[in-house]
Amino acid sequence: MICTLKKGGRAAIVLPDGSLTSDVVKQRIREEFPEQYTVHTIVRLPNSVFQPYASVAANLLFFTKGEPTKEI
């Protein structure tokens, strides 16, 4: 989905809690993603949002392709 987004295109993705704060691979994503996309909003969702299917907290990440992130 992200690769097919045209320059200036807007999208949102759902990430499990912790995706933005741990591990080496996730750290690489945190460093490279803001350089290629303008991340303008992160919404943290509570644990109960996806129940009964999952009980983990999640984040909504809203972004635009084309310019680096200056401020979130």
N, C-alpha and C. Protein backbone atom coordinates (compact mmCIF):
# COMPACT_ATOMS: atom_id res chain seq x y z
N MET A 1 0.82 -1.18 0.00
CA MET A 1 0.00 0.00 0.00
C MET A 1 0.87 1.26 0.00
N ILE A 2 1.85 1.30 0.84
CA ILE A 2 2.69 2.49 0.95
C ILE A 2 3.48 2.73 -0.33
N CYS A 3 3.98 1.67 -0.95
CA CYS A 3 4.77 1.80 -2.18
C CYS A 3 3.94 2.31 -3.35
N THR A 4 2.65 2.01 -3.39
CA THR A 4 1.81 2.44 -4.50
C THR A 4 1.24 3.84 -4.30
N LEU A 5 1.47 4.43 -3.15
CA LEU A 5 0.98 5.77 -2.86
C LEU A 5 1.74 6.79 -3.71
N LYS A 6 1.01 7.65 -4.41
CA LYS A 6 1.64 8.67 -5.24
C LYS A 6 2.12 9.83 -4.38
N LYS A 7 3.07 10.60 -4.90
CA LYS A 7 3.57 11.75 -4.17
C LYS A 7 2.42 12.70 -3.87
N GLY A 8 2.31 13.09 -2.63
CA GLY A 8 1.20 13.93 -2.19
C GLY A 8 0.00 13.12 -1.73
N GLY A 9 0.05 11.79 -1.92
CA GLY A 9 -1.04 10.92 -1.49
C GLY A 9 -1.08 10.79 0.02
N ARG A 10 -2.28 10.64 0.56
CA ARG A 10 -2.46 10.54 2.01
C ARG A 10 -2.97 9.16 2.37
N ALA A 11 -2.53 8.66 3.53
CA ALA A 11 -2.95 7.34 3.99
C ALA A 11 -2.88 7.27 5.51
N ALA A 12 -3.44 6.20 6.03
CA ALA A 12 -3.36 5.91 7.46
C ALA A 12 -3.15 4.42 7.62
N ILE A 13 -2.39 4.03 8.62
CA ILE A 13 -2.18 2.61 8.91
C ILE A 13 -2.40 2.38 10.40
N VAL A 14 -2.76 1.14 10.74
CA VAL A 14 -2.93 0.74 12.13
C VAL A 14 -1.70 -0.08 12.51
N LEU A 15 -1.05 0.31 13.59
CA LEU A 15 0.14 -0.39 14.08
C LEU A 15 -0.10 -0.84 15.51
N PRO A 16 0.35 -2.03 15.88
CA PRO A 16 0.23 -2.44 17.27
C PRO A 16 1.10 -1.56 18.16
N ASP A 17 0.66 -1.38 19.40
CA ASP A 17 1.43 -0.58 20.34
C ASP A 17 2.81 -1.18 20.50
N GLY A 18 3.82 -0.35 20.53
CA GLY A 18 5.19 -0.83 20.64
C GLY A 18 5.91 -0.81 19.30
N SER A 19 5.18 -0.70 18.21
CA SER A 19 5.80 -0.68 16.88
C SER A 19 6.70 0.53 16.69
N LEU A 20 6.40 1.58 17.40
CA LEU A 20 7.17 2.81 17.23
C LEU A 20 8.25 2.97 18.29
N THR A 21 8.37 1.99 19.21
CA THR A 21 9.27 2.20 20.34
C THR A 21 10.25 1.08 20.64
N SER A 22 10.32 0.00 19.85
CA SER A 22 11.21 -1.10 20.24
C SER A 22 11.89 -1.78 19.05
N ASP A 23 12.84 -2.64 19.33
CA ASP A 23 13.56 -3.48 18.37
C ASP A 23 14.37 -2.71 17.32
N VAL A 24 15.36 -3.38 16.78
CA VAL A 24 16.25 -2.78 15.79
C VAL A 24 15.53 -2.54 14.46
N VAL A 25 14.74 -3.52 13.99
CA VAL A 25 14.02 -3.35 12.72
C VAL A 25 13.02 -2.21 12.84
N LYS A 26 12.31 -2.18 13.95
CA LYS A 26 11.34 -1.11 14.16
C LYS A 26 12.04 0.25 14.28
N GLN A 27 13.23 0.26 14.86
CA GLN A 27 13.99 1.49 14.96
C GLN A 27 14.35 2.00 13.57
N ARG A 28 14.73 1.10 12.68
CA ARG A 28 15.06 1.48 11.30
C ARG A 28 13.84 2.10 10.61
N ILE A 29 12.67 1.49 10.82
CA ILE A 29 11.43 2.03 10.25
C ILE A 29 11.16 3.42 10.82
N ARG A 30 11.35 3.59 12.12
CA ARG A 30 11.12 4.90 12.76
C ARG A 30 12.05 5.96 12.19
N GLU A 31 13.27 5.58 11.82
CA GLU A 31 14.23 6.54 11.29
C GLU A 31 13.98 6.86 9.82
N GLU A 32 13.66 5.85 9.00
CA GLU A 32 13.51 6.05 7.56
C GLU A 32 12.13 6.55 7.15
N PHE A 33 11.09 6.11 7.83
CA PHE A 33 9.72 6.49 7.45
C PHE A 33 9.51 8.00 7.50
N PRO A 34 9.92 8.69 8.58
CA PRO A 34 9.71 10.14 8.62
C PRO A 34 10.54 10.92 7.59
N GLU A 35 11.56 10.30 7.00
CA GLU A 35 12.35 10.99 5.97
C GLU A 35 11.64 10.98 4.62
N GLN A 36 10.77 10.00 4.38
CA GLN A 36 10.10 9.85 3.09
C GLN A 36 8.63 10.27 3.14
N TYR A 37 8.06 10.36 4.32
CA TYR A 37 6.65 10.66 4.48
C TYR A 37 6.46 11.74 5.55
N THR A 38 5.45 12.56 5.38
CA THR A 38 5.11 13.55 6.39
C THR A 38 4.12 12.91 7.35
N VAL A 39 4.59 12.54 8.52
CA VAL A 39 3.73 11.98 9.55
C VAL A 39 3.11 13.17 10.28
N HIS A 40 1.79 13.31 10.19
CA HIS A 40 1.18 14.49 10.81
C HIS A 40 0.33 14.17 12.02
N THR A 41 -0.09 12.93 12.20
CA THR A 41 -0.90 12.60 13.37
C THR A 41 -0.67 11.16 13.79
N ILE A 42 -0.54 10.95 15.09
CA ILE A 42 -0.51 9.60 15.66
C ILE A 42 -1.60 9.56 16.73
N VAL A 43 -2.54 8.62 16.58
CA VAL A 43 -3.64 8.48 17.54
C VAL A 43 -3.46 7.15 18.25
N ARG A 44 -3.36 7.20 19.56
CA ARG A 44 -3.23 5.97 20.34
C ARG A 44 -4.61 5.46 20.72
N LEU A 45 -4.86 4.18 20.40
CA LEU A 45 -6.15 3.56 20.68
C LEU A 45 -6.03 2.66 21.91
N PRO A 46 -7.08 2.53 22.70
CA PRO A 46 -7.02 1.67 23.89
C PRO A 46 -7.05 0.19 23.54
N ASN A 47 -6.75 -0.64 24.54
CA ASN A 47 -6.69 -2.10 24.36
C ASN A 47 -8.00 -2.69 23.86
N SER A 48 -9.12 -2.13 24.21
CA SER A 48 -10.42 -2.73 23.93
C SER A 48 -10.95 -2.48 22.52
N VAL A 49 -10.28 -1.69 21.71
CA VAL A 49 -10.79 -1.32 20.40
C VAL A 49 -11.03 -2.51 19.49
N PHE A 50 -10.13 -3.48 19.45
CA PHE A 50 -10.25 -4.61 18.54
C PHE A 50 -10.73 -5.90 19.22
N GLN A 51 -11.24 -5.81 20.44
CA GLN A 51 -11.74 -7.00 21.12
C GLN A 51 -13.05 -7.42 20.50
N PRO A 52 -13.35 -8.68 20.40
CA PRO A 52 -12.70 -9.83 21.02
C PRO A 52 -11.57 -10.42 20.19
N TYR A 53 -11.19 -9.80 19.09
CA TYR A 53 -10.18 -10.38 18.19
C TYR A 53 -8.75 -10.17 18.67
N ALA A 54 -8.49 -9.07 19.31
CA ALA A 54 -7.15 -8.78 19.84
C ALA A 54 -7.30 -7.87 21.04
N SER A 55 -6.42 -8.05 22.01
CA SER A 55 -6.52 -7.23 23.22
C SER A 55 -5.32 -6.29 23.38
N VAL A 56 -4.60 -6.06 22.29
CA VAL A 56 -3.45 -5.16 22.35
C VAL A 56 -3.88 -3.74 21.99
N ALA A 57 -3.17 -2.79 22.55
CA ALA A 57 -3.41 -1.40 22.19
C ALA A 57 -2.85 -1.18 20.79
N ALA A 58 -3.35 -0.17 20.11
CA ALA A 58 -2.92 0.10 18.74
C ALA A 58 -2.76 1.59 18.52
N ASN A 59 -2.10 1.93 17.42
CA ASN A 59 -1.89 3.32 17.05
C ASN A 59 -2.35 3.52 15.61
N LEU A 60 -2.98 4.66 15.34
CA LEU A 60 -3.30 5.07 13.98
C LEU A 60 -2.24 6.07 13.56
N LEU A 61 -1.61 5.83 12.43
CA LEU A 61 -0.55 6.70 11.93
C LEU A 61 -1.03 7.32 10.62
N PHE A 62 -1.22 8.63 10.59
CA PHE A 62 -1.68 9.35 9.41
C PHE A 62 -0.48 10.04 8.77
N PHE A 63 -0.33 9.88 7.44
CA PHE A 63 0.84 10.44 6.78
C PHE A 63 0.55 10.81 5.34
N THR A 64 1.46 11.62 4.78
CA THR A 64 1.42 12.03 3.38
C THR A 64 2.77 11.71 2.77
N LYS A 65 2.77 11.17 1.54
CA LYS A 65 4.01 10.80 0.88
C LYS A 65 4.63 12.00 0.19
N GLY A 66 5.95 12.11 0.29
CA GLY A 66 6.64 13.11 -0.52
C GLY A 66 7.67 13.96 0.20
N GLU A 67 7.38 14.42 1.39
CA GLU A 67 8.31 15.31 2.09
C GLU A 67 8.60 14.73 3.48
N PRO A 68 9.77 15.07 4.03
CA PRO A 68 10.10 14.55 5.37
C PRO A 68 9.22 15.18 6.45
N THR A 69 9.10 14.46 7.54
CA THR A 69 8.34 14.95 8.69
C THR A 69 9.14 16.04 9.39
N LYS A 70 8.50 17.16 9.64
CA LYS A 70 9.15 18.25 10.37
C LYS A 70 8.71 18.26 11.83
N GLU A 71 7.40 18.00 12.04
CA GLU A 71 6.86 18.02 13.39
C GLU A 71 5.61 17.14 13.44
N ILE A 72 5.46 16.40 14.53
CA ILE A 72 4.26 15.57 14.69
C ILE A 72 3.41 16.19 15.79
